Protein backbone atom coordinates (compact mmCIF):
# COMPACT_ATOMS: atom_id res chain seq x y z
CA MET A 1 13.82 -14.28 16.00
CA ARG A 2 13.66 -12.67 19.41
CA LYS A 3 13.30 -8.89 19.50
CA SER A 4 15.31 -6.79 21.92
CA LYS A 5 14.16 -3.60 23.63
CA THR A 6 16.25 -1.47 21.28
CA LEU A 7 14.78 -3.22 18.25
CA ASP A 8 11.26 -2.62 19.59
CA GLN A 9 12.06 1.07 20.01
CA LEU A 10 13.40 1.27 16.46
CA ILE A 11 10.32 -0.50 15.09
CA ASN A 12 7.98 1.90 16.90
CA TYR A 13 10.04 4.89 15.72
CA ILE A 14 9.93 3.70 12.11
CA LYS A 15 6.20 2.92 12.20
CA SER A 16 5.25 6.26 13.71
CA ASN A 17 7.40 8.24 11.28
CA LEU A 18 6.15 6.29 8.26
CA LYS A 19 2.62 7.20 9.31
CA LYS A 20 3.73 10.85 9.46
CA GLY A 21 4.90 10.63 5.83
CA TYR A 22 8.67 10.17 6.05
CA THR A 23 10.29 7.84 3.54
CA LEU A 24 12.14 4.64 4.47
CA ASP A 25 15.36 5.96 2.94
CA SER A 26 15.32 9.13 5.02
CA LEU A 27 14.57 7.17 8.21
CA LYS A 28 17.30 4.66 7.45
CA TYR A 29 19.83 7.42 6.78
CA SER A 30 18.97 9.33 9.95
CA LEU A 31 19.08 6.22 12.16
CA ILE A 32 22.46 5.15 10.79
CA ASN A 33 23.76 8.69 11.36
CA GLN A 34 22.49 8.50 14.96
CA GLY A 35 24.78 5.51 15.55
CA TYR A 36 22.56 2.48 14.97
CA THR A 37 24.09 -0.33 12.94
CA ARG A 38 22.92 -0.91 9.41
CA ILE A 39 21.85 -4.47 10.27
CA SER A 40 19.70 -3.40 13.24
CA VAL A 41 18.07 -0.67 11.12
CA GLU A 42 17.34 -3.15 8.31
CA ASN A 43 15.87 -5.66 10.78
CA ALA A 44 13.71 -2.97 12.35
CA ILE A 45 12.46 -1.89 8.91
CA ASP A 46 11.58 -5.49 8.03
CA PHE A 47 9.64 -5.96 11.28
CA ALA A 48 7.91 -2.58 10.90
CA ASN A 49 6.83 -3.44 7.35
CA LYS A 50 5.45 -6.79 8.49
CA GLU A 51 3.52 -5.20 11.37
CA LEU A 52 2.14 -2.43 9.14
CA ALA A 53 1.08 -5.01 6.55
CA LYS A 54 -0.97 -6.81 9.22
CA GLU A 55 -2.82 -3.57 10.07
CA ILE A 56 -3.91 -2.91 6.48
CA SER A 57 -7.04 -4.77 5.46
CA PRO A 58 -6.70 -6.61 2.15
CA ILE A 59 -8.81 -5.69 -0.85
CA LYS A 60 -11.57 -8.25 -1.03
CA GLU A 61 -12.93 -7.58 -4.47
CA LYS A 62 -11.96 -5.75 -7.57
CA PRO A 63 -13.87 -2.49 -8.06
CA GLN A 64 -16.20 -2.47 -11.02
CA ILE A 65 -16.76 0.55 -13.25
CA THR A 66 -20.31 1.33 -14.28
CA TYR A 67 -21.56 4.13 -16.48
CA ARG A 68 -24.97 5.77 -16.30
CA LEU A 69 -26.52 6.90 -19.54
CA ILE A 70 -29.42 9.31 -19.24
CA ASN A 71 -31.99 9.57 -22.01
CA ASP A 72 -32.61 13.25 -22.89
CA LYS A 73 -36.28 12.79 -23.75
CA SER A 74 -37.52 10.53 -20.97
CA GLY A 75 -34.88 11.24 -18.33
CA GLU A 76 -34.39 7.52 -17.62
CA ALA A 77 -31.00 6.39 -16.37
CA ILE A 78 -29.50 3.19 -17.76
CA SER A 79 -26.52 1.60 -16.01
CA VAL A 80 -23.98 0.04 -18.34
CA THR A 81 -21.00 -2.08 -17.30
CA PRO A 82 -18.25 -2.06 -19.96
CA ARG A 83 -16.90 -5.40 -21.09
CA LYS A 84 -13.20 -5.92 -21.52
CA LYS A 85 -11.92 -7.49 -24.70
CA SER A 86 -9.75 -10.50 -24.14
CA PHE A 87 -6.05 -10.14 -24.74
CA TRP A 88 -6.16 -12.27 -27.88
CA LYS A 89 -9.12 -10.38 -29.36
CA LYS A 90 -7.23 -7.12 -28.90
CA ILE A 91 -4.31 -8.53 -30.84
CA PHE A 92 -6.08 -10.49 -33.59
CA GLY A 93 -9.32 -8.52 -33.77
């Protein structure tokens, strides 16, 4: 799909205002009230979402929770990684 100059302007407007914290619904409502067609606003939102998704780096690994237990007497720290019970063990024990 070929983008027009107006569509590029809408995409840049949406991206910059999303970064400022405005919601998609409020941007859509204000653009439609300014005279843009609903279809052009929807297309611009789709393009803006795709471009913003490219900028965000994907999560490469799942974070792992570790606990540190400290012995009162010796002051040694022991790292412990909790194990998750499987779904079936949670149900059937």
